[in-house]
PDB file of N, CA and C in Angstrom:
ATOM      1  N   MET A   1      29.021  11.621  28.873  1.00  0.00           N
ATOM      2  CA  MET A   1      29.016  10.124  28.316  1.00  0.00           C
ATOM      3  C   MET A   1      27.713   9.827  28.419  1.00  0.00           C
ATOM      4  N   LYS A   2      26.938   9.708  29.573  1.00  0.00           N
ATOM      5  CA  LYS A   2      25.679   9.023  29.611  1.00  0.00           C
ATOM      6  C   LYS A   2      24.806   9.552  28.490  1.00  0.00           C
ATOM      7  N   LYS A   3      24.715  10.766  27.800  1.00  0.00           N
ATOM      8  CA  LYS A   3      24.099  11.319  26.739  1.00  0.00           C
ATOM      9  C   LYS A   3      24.337  10.647  25.732  1.00  0.00           C
ATOM     10  N   ILE A   4      25.713  10.211  25.364  1.00  0.00           N
ATOM     11  CA  ILE A   4      25.853   9.547  24.182  1.00  0.00           C
ATOM     12  C   ILE A   4      25.513   8.217  24.060  1.00  0.00           C
ATOM     13  N   HIS A   5      25.534   7.572  25.185  1.00  0.00           N
ATOM     14  CA  HIS A   5      24.900   6.142  25.655  1.00  0.00           C
ATOM     15  C   HIS A   5      23.403   6.350  25.023  1.00  0.00           C
ATOM     16  N   VAL A   6      22.779   7.228  25.596  1.00  0.00           N
ATOM     17  CA  VAL A   6      21.180   7.555  25.508  1.00  0.00           C
ATOM     18  C   VAL A   6      21.078   7.740  24.010  1.00  0.00           C
ATOM     19  N   LEU A   7      22.001   8.396  23.435  1.00  0.00           N
ATOM     20  CA  LEU A   7      21.797   8.553  22.018  1.00  0.00           C
ATOM     21  C   LEU A   7      21.827   7.270  20.997  1.00  0.00           C
ATOM     22  N   TRP A   8      22.923   6.721  21.221  1.00  0.00           N
ATOM     23  CA  TRP A   8      23.166   5.528  20.840  1.00  0.00           C
ATOM     24  C   TRP A   8      21.836   4.449  20.868  1.00  0.00           C
ATOM     25  N   MET A   9      21.303   4.353  22.014  1.00  0.00           N
ATOM     26  CA  MET A   9      20.210   3.263  22.452  1.00  0.00           C
ATOM     27  C   MET A   9      19.071   3.952  21.713  1.00  0.00           C
ATOM     28  N   LEU A  10      18.722   5.032  21.563  1.00  0.00           N
ATOM     29  CA  LEU A  10      17.421   5.799  21.069  1.00  0.00           C
ATOM     30  C   LEU A  10      17.610   5.407  19.272  1.00  0.00           C
ATOM     31  N   LEU A  11      19.052   5.513  18.639  1.00  0.00           N
ATOM     32  CA  LEU A  11      19.646   5.377  17.379  1.00  0.00           C
ATOM     33  C   LEU A  11      18.984   3.905  17.101  1.00  0.00           C
ATOM     34  N   PHE A  12      19.619   2.891  17.739  1.00  0.00           N
ATOM     35  CA  PHE A  12      19.387   1.709  17.549  1.00  0.00           C
ATOM     36  C   PHE A  12      17.939   1.012  17.625  1.00  0.00           C
ATOM     37  N   LEU A  13      17.237   1.584  18.681  1.00  0.00           N
ATOM     38  CA  LEU A  13      15.719   1.432  18.861  1.00  0.00           C
ATOM     39  C   LEU A  13      15.039   1.836  17.795  1.00  0.00           C
ATOM     40  N   VAL A  14      15.280   3.153  17.128  1.00  0.00           N
ATOM     41  CA  VAL A  14      14.783   3.334  15.603  1.00  0.00           C
ATOM     42  C   VAL A  14      15.125   2.684  14.644  1.00  0.00           C
ATOM     43  N   LEU A  15      16.096   2.338  14.577  1.00  0.00           N
ATOM     44  CA  LEU A  15      16.678   1.610  13.226  1.00  0.00           C
ATOM     45  C   LEU A  15      16.084  -0.005  13.361  1.00  0.00           C
ATOM     46  N   SER A  16      15.941  -0.399  14.410  1.00  0.00           N
ATOM     47  CA  SER A  16      15.508  -1.646  14.643  1.00  0.00           C
ATOM     48  C   SER A  16      14.300  -1.884  14.572  1.00  0.00           C
ATOM     49  N   THR A  17      13.317  -1.000  14.900  1.00  0.00           N
ATOM     50  CA  THR A  17      11.965  -1.001  14.513  1.00  0.00           C
ATOM     51  C   THR A  17      11.655  -0.594  13.222  1.00  0.00           C
ATOM     52  N   SER A  18      12.430   0.123  12.606  1.00  0.00           N
ATOM     53  CA  SER A  18      12.298   0.130  11.194  1.00  0.00           C
ATOM     54  C   SER A  18      12.423  -0.966  10.348  1.00  0.00           C
ATOM     55  N   CYS A  19      13.316  -1.756  10.562  1.00  0.00           N
ATOM     56  CA  CYS A  19      13.785  -2.822   9.928  1.00  0.00           C
ATOM     57  C   CYS A  19      12.391  -4.138  10.381  1.00  0.00           C
ATOM     58  N   VAL A  20      12.170  -4.006  11.363  1.00  0.00           N
ATOM     59  CA  VAL A  20      10.732  -5.106  11.522  1.00  0.00           C
ATOM     60  C   VAL A  20       9.742  -4.565  10.712  1.00  0.00           C
ATOM     61  N   SER A  21       9.349  -3.451  10.604  1.00  0.00           N
ATOM     62  CA  SER A  21       8.211  -2.812   9.846  1.00  0.00           C
ATOM     63  C   SER A  21       8.624  -3.225   8.278  1.00  0.00           C
ATOM     64  N   VAL A  22       9.623  -3.082   7.692  1.00  0.00           N
ATOM     65  CA  VAL A  22      10.180  -3.339   6.488  1.00  0.00           C
ATOM     66  C   VAL A  22       9.841  -5.067   6.356  1.00  0.00           C
ATOM     67  N   ASN A  23      10.466  -5.723   7.347  1.00  0.00           N
ATOM     68  CA  ASN A  23      10.166  -7.227   7.280  1.00  0.00           C
ATOM     69  C   ASN A  23       8.786  -7.796   7.240  1.00  0.00           C
ATOM     70  N   ARG A  24       7.909  -7.072   8.245  1.00  0.00           N
ATOM     71  CA  ARG A  24       6.501  -7.211   7.956  1.00  0.00           C
ATOM     72  C   ARG A  24       5.953  -6.813   6.867  1.00  0.00           C
ATOM     73  N   LEU A  25       6.169  -5.803   6.249  1.00  0.00           N
ATOM     74  CA  LEU A  25       5.720  -5.740   4.618  1.00  0.00           C
ATOM     75  C   LEU A  25       5.967  -6.542   3.567  1.00  0.00           C
ATOM     76  N   MET A  26       7.259  -7.109   3.791  1.00  0.00           N
ATOM     77  CA  MET A  26       7.465  -7.774   2.867  1.00  0.00           C
ATOM     78  C   MET A  26       7.269  -9.385   2.980  1.00  0.00           C
ATOM     79  N   LYS A  27       6.661  -9.587   4.357  1.00  0.00           N
ATOM     80  CA  LYS A  27       5.735 -11.002   4.310  1.00  0.00           C
ATOM     81  C   LYS A  27       4.705 -11.233   3.668  1.00  0.00           C
ATOM     82  N   VAL A  28       3.601  -9.904   3.536  1.00  0.00           N
ATOM     83  CA  VAL A  28       2.684  -9.839   2.923  1.00  0.00           C
ATOM     84  C   VAL A  28       2.514 -10.283   1.345  1.00  0.00           C
ATOM     85  N   GLN A  29       1.824 -11.165   1.169  1.00  0.00           N
ATOM     86  CA  GLN A  29       1.503 -11.720  -0.252  1.00  0.00           C
ATOM     87  C   GLN A  29       0.159 -11.791  -0.695  1.00  0.00           C
ATOM     88  N   GLU A  30       0.096 -11.649  -1.978  1.00  0.00           N
ATOM     89  CA  GLU A  30      -1.194 -11.646  -2.312  1.00  0.00           C
ATOM     90  C   GLU A  30      -1.818 -13.049  -2.258  1.00  0.00           C
ATOM     91  N   GLY A  31      -3.128 -13.229  -2.127  1.00  0.00           N
ATOM     92  CA  GLY A  31      -3.895 -14.475  -1.723  1.00  0.00           C
ATOM     93  C   GLY A  31      -3.879 -15.008   0.022  1.00  0.00           C
ATOM     94  N   MET A  32      -2.945 -14.172   0.950  1.00  0.00           N
ATOM     95  CA  MET A  32      -3.142 -14.547   2.017  1.00  0.00           C
ATOM     96  C   MET A  32      -4.348 -14.356   2.652  1.00  0.00           C
ATOM     97  N   SER A  33      -4.732 -15.195   3.592  1.00  0.00           N
ATOM     98  CA  SER A  33      -5.931 -14.833   4.290  1.00  0.00           C
ATOM     99  C   SER A  33      -5.858 -13.858   5.689  1.00  0.00           C
ATOM    100  N   ARG A  34      -6.920 -13.726   6.158  1.00  0.00           N
ATOM    101  CA  ARG A  34      -6.913 -12.708   7.440  1.00  0.00           C
ATOM    102  C   ARG A  34      -6.331 -12.976   8.307  1.00  0.00           C
ATOM    103  N   GLN A  35      -6.305 -14.559   8.798  1.00  0.00           N
ATOM    104  CA  GLN A  35      -5.641 -15.005   9.769  1.00  0.00           C
ATOM    105  C   GLN A  35      -3.904 -14.777   9.430  1.00  0.00           C
ATOM    106  N   GLU A  36      -3.536 -14.676   8.649  1.00  0.00           N
ATOM    107  CA  GLU A  36      -2.100 -14.753   8.248  1.00  0.00           C
ATOM    108  C   GLU A  36      -1.958 -13.256   8.435  1.00  0.00           C
ATOM    109  N   ILE A  37      -2.567 -12.514   7.838  1.00  0.00           N
ATOM    110  CA  ILE A  37      -2.207 -10.905   8.191  1.00  0.00           C
ATOM    111  C   ILE A  37      -2.179 -10.752   9.804  1.00  0.00           C
ATOM    112  N   SER A  38      -3.346 -11.080  10.152  1.00  0.00           N
ATOM    113  CA  SER A  38      -3.595 -11.055  11.802  1.00  0.00           C
ATOM    114  C   SER A  38      -2.366 -11.325  12.569  1.00  0.00           C
ATOM    115  N   LYS A  39      -1.586 -12.312  12.004  1.00  0.00           N
ATOM    116  CA  LYS A  39      -0.527 -13.007  12.658  1.00  0.00           C
ATOM    117  C   LYS A  39       0.613 -11.820  12.507  1.00  0.00           C
ATOM    118  N   ILE A  40       0.955 -11.420  11.208  1.00  0.00           N
ATOM    119  CA  ILE A  40       1.770 -10.588  10.922  1.00  0.00           C
ATOM    120  C   ILE A  40       1.594  -9.095  11.613  1.00  0.00           C
ATOM    121  N   PHE A  41       0.594  -8.620  11.558  1.00  0.00           N
ATOM    122  CA  PHE A  41       0.410  -7.124  12.040  1.00  0.00           C
ATOM    123  C   PHE A  41      -0.553  -6.974  13.258  1.00  0.00           C
ATOM    124  N   GLY A  42      -1.241  -8.047  13.925  1.00  0.00           N
ATOM    125  CA  GLY A  42      -2.037  -7.914  15.001  1.00  0.00           C
ATOM    126  C   GLY A  42      -3.653  -7.226  14.418  1.00  0.00           C
ATOM    127  N   THR A  43      -4.023  -6.900  15.194  1.00  0.00           N
ATOM    128  CA  THR A  43      -5.732  -6.474  14.958  1.00  0.00           C
ATOM    129  C   THR A  43      -5.374  -5.168  14.117  1.00  0.00           C
ATOM    130  N   PRO A  44      -6.140  -4.650  13.393  1.00  0.00           N
ATOM    131  CA  PRO A  44      -6.216  -3.345  12.577  1.00  0.00           C
ATOM    132  C   PRO A  44      -6.735  -2.193  13.330  1.00  0.00           C
ATOM    133  N   GLU A  45      -6.194  -1.072  13.223  1.00  0.00           N
ATOM    134  CA  GLU A  45      -6.534   0.114  13.635  1.00  0.00           C
ATOM    135  C   GLU A  45      -7.897   0.697  13.109  1.00  0.00           C
ATOM    136  N   TYR A  46      -8.159   0.359  12.022  1.00  0.00           N
ATOM    137  CA  TYR A  46      -9.558   0.846  10.967  1.00  0.00           C
ATOM    138  C   TYR A  46      -9.714  -0.354  10.197  1.00  0.00           C
ATOM    139  N   ARG A  47     -11.192  -0.478   9.800  1.00  0.00           N
ATOM    140  CA  ARG A  47     -11.515  -1.489   9.145  1.00  0.00           C
ATOM    141  C   ARG A  47     -12.737  -0.847   8.359  1.00  0.00           C
ATOM    142  N   ARG A  48     -12.637  -1.262   7.116  1.00  0.00           N
ATOM    143  CA  ARG A  48     -13.797  -0.909   6.267  1.00  0.00           C
ATOM    144  C   ARG A  48     -14.377  -1.993   5.397  1.00  0.00           C
ATOM    145  N   PHE A  49     -15.493  -1.861   4.856  1.00  0.00           N
ATOM    146  CA  PHE A  49     -15.933  -3.066   4.198  1.00  0.00           C
ATOM    147  C   PHE A  49     -16.936  -2.297   3.315  1.00  0.00           C
ATOM    148  N   ASP A  50     -17.171  -3.162   1.868  1.00  0.00           N
ATOM    149  CA  ASP A  50     -18.437  -2.606   1.122  1.00  0.00           C
ATOM    150  C   ASP A  50     -18.271  -3.783  -0.161  1.00  0.00           C
ATOM    151  N   ARG A  51     -19.369  -4.281  -0.308  1.00  0.00           N
ATOM    152  CA  ARG A  51     -19.649  -5.125  -1.341  1.00  0.00           C
ATOM    153  C   ARG A  51     -18.412  -6.341  -1.779  1.00  0.00           C
ATOM    154  N   GLY A  52     -18.014  -7.044  -0.777  1.00  0.00           N
ATOM    155  CA  GLY A  52     -17.319  -8.140  -0.686  1.00  0.00           C
ATOM    156  C   GLY A  52     -15.667  -7.705  -0.762  1.00  0.00           C
ATOM    157  N   MET A  53     -15.338  -6.506  -0.366  1.00  0.00           N
ATOM    158  CA  MET A  53     -14.110  -5.931  -0.599  1.00  0.00           C
ATOM    159  C   MET A  53     -14.202  -5.374   0.965  1.00  0.00           C
ATOM    160  N   GLU A  54     -12.993  -5.510   1.732  1.00  0.00           N
ATOM    161  CA  GLU A  54     -12.591  -5.307   3.000  1.00  0.00           C
ATOM    162  C   GLU A  54     -11.267  -4.418   3.099  1.00  0.00           C
ATOM    163  N   GLU A  55     -11.035  -3.598   3.844  1.00  0.00           N
ATOM    164  CA  GLU A  55      -9.791  -2.933   4.016  1.00  0.00           C
ATOM    165  C   GLU A  55      -9.172  -3.094   5.517  1.00  0.00           C
ATOM    166  N   TRP A  56      -8.090  -3.197   5.733  1.00  0.00           N
ATOM    167  CA  TRP A  56      -7.402  -3.229   7.055  1.00  0.00           C
ATOM    168  C   TRP A  56      -6.518  -2.280   7.114  1.00  0.00           C
ATOM    169  N   GLU A  57      -6.498  -1.236   8.076  1.00  0.00           N
ATOM    170  CA  GLU A  57      -5.427   0.015   8.368  1.00  0.00           C
ATOM    171  C   GLU A  57      -4.923  -0.325   9.449  1.00  0.00           C
ATOM    172  N   TYR A  58      -3.432  -0.291   9.305  1.00  0.00           N
ATOM    173  CA  TYR A  58      -2.305  -0.130  10.413  1.00  0.00           C
ATOM    174  C   TYR A  58      -1.593   1.182  10.227  1.00  0.00           C
ATOM    175  N   ARG A  59      -1.285   1.833  11.359  1.00  0.00           N
ATOM    176  CA  ARG A  59      -0.777   2.969  11.507  1.00  0.00           C
ATOM    177  C   ARG A  59       0.962   2.705  12.594  1.00  0.00           C
ATOM    178  N   SER A  60       1.577   3.468  12.270  1.00  0.00           N
ATOM    179  CA  SER A  60       2.963   3.442  13.319  1.00  0.00           C
ATOM    180  C   SER A  60       3.552   4.866  13.233  1.00  0.00           C
ATOM    181  N   LEU A  61       4.060   5.647  14.616  1.00  0.00           N
ATOM    182  CA  LEU A  61       4.471   6.793  14.493  1.00  0.00           C
ATOM    183  C   LEU A  61       5.770   6.825  14.294  1.00  0.00           C
ATOM    184  N   SER A  62       6.950   7.440  13.351  1.00  0.00           N
ATOM    185  CA  SER A  62       8.015   7.664  13.607  1.00  0.00           C
ATOM    186  C   SER A  62       8.343   8.845  14.595  1.00  0.00           C
ATOM    187  N   LEU A  63       9.312   8.335  15.514  1.00  0.00           N
ATOM    188  CA  LEU A  63       9.532   9.336  16.848  1.00  0.00           C
ATOM    189  C   LEU A  63      10.605  10.192  16.124  1.00  0.00           C
ATOM    190  N   ILE A  64      11.108  10.090  14.679  1.00  0.00           N
ATOM    191  CA  ILE A  64      12.382  11.186  14.360  1.00  0.00           C
ATOM    192  C   ILE A  64      11.582  12.209  13.697  1.00  0.00           C
ATOM    193  N   SER A  65      10.976  11.502  12.441  1.00  0.00           N
ATOM    194  CA  SER A  65       9.894  12.533  11.512  1.00  0.00           C
ATOM    195  C   SER A  65       8.752  13.021  12.111  1.00  0.00           C
ATOM    196  N   GLY A  66       7.998  12.020  13.044  1.00  0.00           N
ATOM    197  CA  GLY A  66       6.776  12.942  13.392  1.00  0.00           C
ATOM    198  C   GLY A  66       5.924  12.299  12.467  1.00  0.00           C
ATOM    199  N   GLU A  67       6.141  11.323  11.326  1.00  0.00           N
ATOM    200  CA  GLU A  67       5.224  11.200  10.479  1.00  0.00           C
ATOM    201  C   GLU A  67       4.585   9.719  10.813  1.00  0.00           C
ATOM    202  N   TYR A  68       3.411   9.500  10.383  1.00  0.00           N
ATOM    203  CA  TYR A  68       2.690   7.792  10.641  1.00  0.00           C
ATOM    204  C   TYR A  68       2.985   7.275   9.361  1.00  0.00           C
ATOM    205  N   LYS A  69       3.437   6.156   9.344  1.00  0.00           N
ATOM    206  CA  LYS A  69       3.429   5.198   8.584  1.00  0.00           C
ATOM    207  C   LYS A  69       2.463   4.538   8.422  1.00  0.00           C
ATOM    208  N   VAL A  70       1.497   4.617   7.160  1.00  0.00           N
ATOM    209  CA  VAL A  70       0.299   3.756   7.115  1.00  0.00           C
ATOM    210  C   VAL A  70       0.498   2.561   6.072  1.00  0.00           C
ATOM    211  N   VAL A  71      -0.428   1.537   6.564  1.00  0.00           N
ATOM    212  CA  VAL A  71      -0.264   0.268   5.715  1.00  0.00           C
ATOM    213  C   VAL A  71      -1.973   0.011   5.591  1.00  0.00           C
ATOM    214  N   VAL A  72      -2.289   0.005   4.369  1.00  0.00           N
ATOM    215  CA  VAL A  72      -3.815  -0.525   4.140  1.00  0.00           C
ATOM    216  C   VAL A  72      -3.706  -1.739   3.173  1.00  0.00           C
ATOM    217  N   ILE A  73      -4.310  -3.045   4.050  1.00  0.00           N
ATOM    218  CA  ILE A  73      -4.376  -4.154   3.353  1.00  0.00           C
ATOM    219  C   ILE A  73      -5.755  -4.345   2.605  1.00  0.00           C
ATOM    220  N   THR A  74      -5.985  -4.843   1.394  1.00  0.00           N
ATOM    221  CA  THR A  74      -7.451  -5.087   0.785  1.00  0.00           C
ATOM    222  C   THR A  74      -7.521  -6.664   0.728  1.00  0.00           C
ATOM    223  N   PHE A  75      -8.834  -6.799   1.007  1.00  0.00           N
ATOM    224  CA  PHE A  75      -9.038  -8.216   0.893  1.00  0.00           C
ATOM    225  C   PHE A  75     -10.334  -8.305  -0.086  1.00  0.00           C
ATOM    226  N   GLU A  76     -10.122  -9.338  -0.721  1.00  0.00           N
ATOM    227  CA  GLU A  76     -11.484  -9.748  -1.603  1.00  0.00           C
ATOM    228  C   GLU A  76     -11.744 -11.114  -1.499  1.00  0.00           C
ATOM    229  N   ASP A  77     -13.028 -11.673  -1.163  1.00  0.00           N
ATOM    230  CA  ASP A  77     -13.187 -12.902  -0.797  1.00  0.00           C
ATOM    231  C   ASP A  77     -12.384 -13.653   0.281  1.00  0.00           C
ATOM    232  N   GLY A  78     -12.296 -12.601   1.186  1.00  0.00           N
ATOM    233  CA  GLY A  78     -11.411 -12.909   2.459  1.00  0.00           C
ATOM    234  C   GLY A  78      -9.719 -13.134   2.154  1.00  0.00           C
ATOM    235  N   ARG A  79      -9.312 -12.784   1.214  1.00  0.00           N
ATOM    236  CA  ARG A  79      -7.801 -13.176   0.693  1.00  0.00           C
ATOM    237  C   ARG A  79      -7.084 -11.564   0.430  1.00  0.00           C
ATOM    238  N   VAL A  80      -5.998 -11.539   0.684  1.00  0.00           N
ATOM    239  CA  VAL A  80      -5.166 -10.350   0.307  1.00  0.00           C
ATOM    240  C   VAL A  80      -5.373 -10.024  -1.217  1.00  0.00           C
ATOM    241  N   SER A  81      -5.953  -8.852  -1.545  1.00  0.00           N
ATOM    242  CA  SER A  81      -5.739  -8.387  -3.215  1.00  0.00           C
ATOM    243  C   SER A  81      -5.113  -7.281  -3.337  1.00  0.00           C
ATOM    244  N   GLY A  82      -4.609  -6.415  -2.521  1.00  0.00           N
ATOM    245  CA  GLY A  82      -3.735  -5.430  -2.638  1.00  0.00           C
ATOM    246  C   GLY A  82      -3.322  -4.928  -1.294  1.00  0.00           C
ATOM    247  N   MET A  83      -2.090  -3.806  -1.485  1.00  0.00           N
ATOM    248  CA  MET A  83      -1.685  -3.329  -0.204  1.00  0.00           C
ATOM    249  C   MET A  83      -1.262  -2.083  -0.525  1.00  0.00           C
ATOM    250  N   ASP A  84      -1.400  -0.891  -0.058  1.00  0.00           N
ATOM    251  CA  ASP A  84      -0.837   0.250  -0.152  1.00  0.00           C
ATOM    252  C   ASP A  84       0.013   0.966   1.095  1.00  0.00           C
ATOM    253  N   THR A  85       0.794   1.800   0.962  1.00  0.00           N
ATOM    254  CA  THR A  85       1.493   2.327   2.049  1.00  0.00           C
ATOM    255  C   THR A  85       1.999   3.368   1.542  1.00  0.00           C
ATOM    256  N   PHE A  86       1.966   4.393   2.859  1.00  0.00           N
ATOM    257  CA  PHE A  86       2.270   5.819   2.519  1.00  0.00           C
ATOM    258  C   PHE A  86       2.516   6.416   3.844  1.00  0.00           C
ATOM    259  N   THR A  87       2.914   7.686   3.976  1.00  0.00           N
ATOM    260  CA  THR A  87       3.228   8.394   5.208  1.00  0.00           C
ATOM    261  C   THR A  87       2.402   9.713   5.286  1.00  0.00           C
ATOM    262  N   THR A  88       2.065  10.207   6.505  1.00  0.00           N
ATOM    263  CA  THR A  88       1.532  11.356   6.796  1.00  0.00           C
ATOM    264  C   THR A  88       1.660  11.805   8.021  1.00  0.00           C
ATOM    265  N   ARG A  89       1.555  13.321   7.968  1.00  0.00           N
ATOM    266  CA  ARG A  89       1.700  13.892   9.157  1.00  0.00           C
ATOM    267  C   ARG A  89       0.448  14.245  10.138  1.00  0.00           C
ATOM    268  N   ASP A  90      -0.928  13.984   9.404  1.00  0.00           N
ATOM    269  CA  ASP A  90      -1.957  13.997  10.110  1.00  0.00           C
ATOM    270  C   ASP A  90      -2.636  12.852  10.319  1.00  0.00           C
ATOM    271  N   PHE A  91      -2.708  12.468  11.461  1.00  0.00           N
ATOM    272  CA  PHE A  91      -3.319  11.037  12.058  1.00  0.00           C
ATOM    273  C   PHE A  91      -4.865  10.749  11.043  1.00  0.00           C
ATOM    274  N   GLN A  92      -5.358  11.854  11.055  1.00  0.00           N
ATOM    275  CA  GLN A  92      -6.713  11.601  10.658  1.00  0.00           C
ATOM    276  C   GLN A  92      -7.127  11.597   8.895  1.00  0.00           C
ATOM    277  N   GLU A  93      -5.965  11.926   8.496  1.00  0.00           N
ATOM    278  CA  GLU A  93      -5.813  12.219   6.847  1.00  0.00           C
ATOM    279  C   GLU A  93      -5.805  10.828   6.409  1.00  0.00           C
ATOM    280  N   HIS A  94      -6.517  10.539   5.402  1.00  0.00           N
ATOM    281  CA  HIS A  94      -6.500   9.456   4.754  1.00  0.00           C
ATOM    282  C   HIS A  94      -7.027   9.499   3.169  1.00  0.00           C
ATOM    283  N   PRO A  95      -6.335   9.059   1.985  1.00  0.00           N
ATOM    284  CA  PRO A  95      -6.385   9.419   0.682  1.00  0.00           C
ATOM    285  C   PRO A  95      -7.502   8.792   0.285  1.00  0.00           C
ATOM    286  N   LEU A  96      -8.103   7.628   0.686  1.00  0.00           N
ATOM    287  CA  LEU A  96      -9.140   6.689   0.175  1.00  0.00           C
ATOM    288  C   LEU A  96     -10.558   7.419   0.806  1.00  0.00           C
ATOM    289  N   LEU A  97     -10.416   7.915   1.806  1.00  0.00           N
ATOM    290  CA  LEU A  97     -11.750   8.490   2.412  1.00  0.00           C
ATOM    291  C   LEU A  97     -12.325   9.553   1.791  1.00  0.00           C
ATOM    292  N   PRO A  98     -13.532   9.487   1.473  1.00  0.00           N
ATOM    293  CA  PRO A  98     -14.396  10.923   0.870  1.00  0.00           C
ATOM    294  C   PRO A  98     -14.032  12.076   2.141  1.00  0.00           C
ATOM    295  N   ALA A  99     -14.489  13.336   1.645  1.00  0.00           N
ATOM    296  CA  ALA A  99     -14.429  14.465   2.718  1.00  0.00           C
ATOM    297  C   ALA A  99     -15.755  14.094   3.356  1.00  0.00           C
ATOM    298  N   PRO A 100     -15.738  14.546   4.591  1.00  0.00           N
ATOM    299  CA  PRO A 100     -16.984  14.598   5.308  1.00  0.00           C
ATOM    300  C   PRO A 100     -17.873  15.682   4.771  1.00  0.00           C
ATOM    301  N   CYS A 101     -19.137  15.111   4.885  1.00  0.00           N
ATOM    302  CA  CYS A 101     -20.475  15.879   4.453  1.00  0.00           C
ATOM    303  C   CYS A 101     -20.829  16.681   5.671  1.00  0.00           C
ATOM    304  N   ILE A 102     -20.879  18.098   5.531  1.00  0.00           N
ATOM    305  CA  ILE A 102     -21.168  19.208   6.476  1.00  0.00           C
ATOM    306  C   ILE A 102     -22.122  19.591   6.138  1.00  0.00           C
ATOM    307  N   HIS A 103     -23.460  19.475   6.662  1.00  0.00           N
ATOM    308  CA  HIS A 103     -24.776  20.083   6.590  1.00  0.00           C
ATOM    309  C   HIS A 103     -25.169  21.187   7.186  1.00  0.00           C
TER     310      HIS A 103
END
């Protein structure tokens, strides 16, 4: 009987965290400031910038699938200009980064 309760609690936890993630994504709008994004997602795990463009990357691990959900938010002139979301199994994988140079 305890096992069933534990399974229900885990299921509830997973479903509720998934909803929160979707709610966060739905709050992001073009033109938002860095401060507004920080209030929604917190401090980014990765930050990249070049020639007036900046990207913040956030990752979260799904305990069920073992995949990382990745959110990349792009800023131009300090305002959101784009957002990309994808999933990956490899924590280091990132489709926007070039392959490392090996000399």
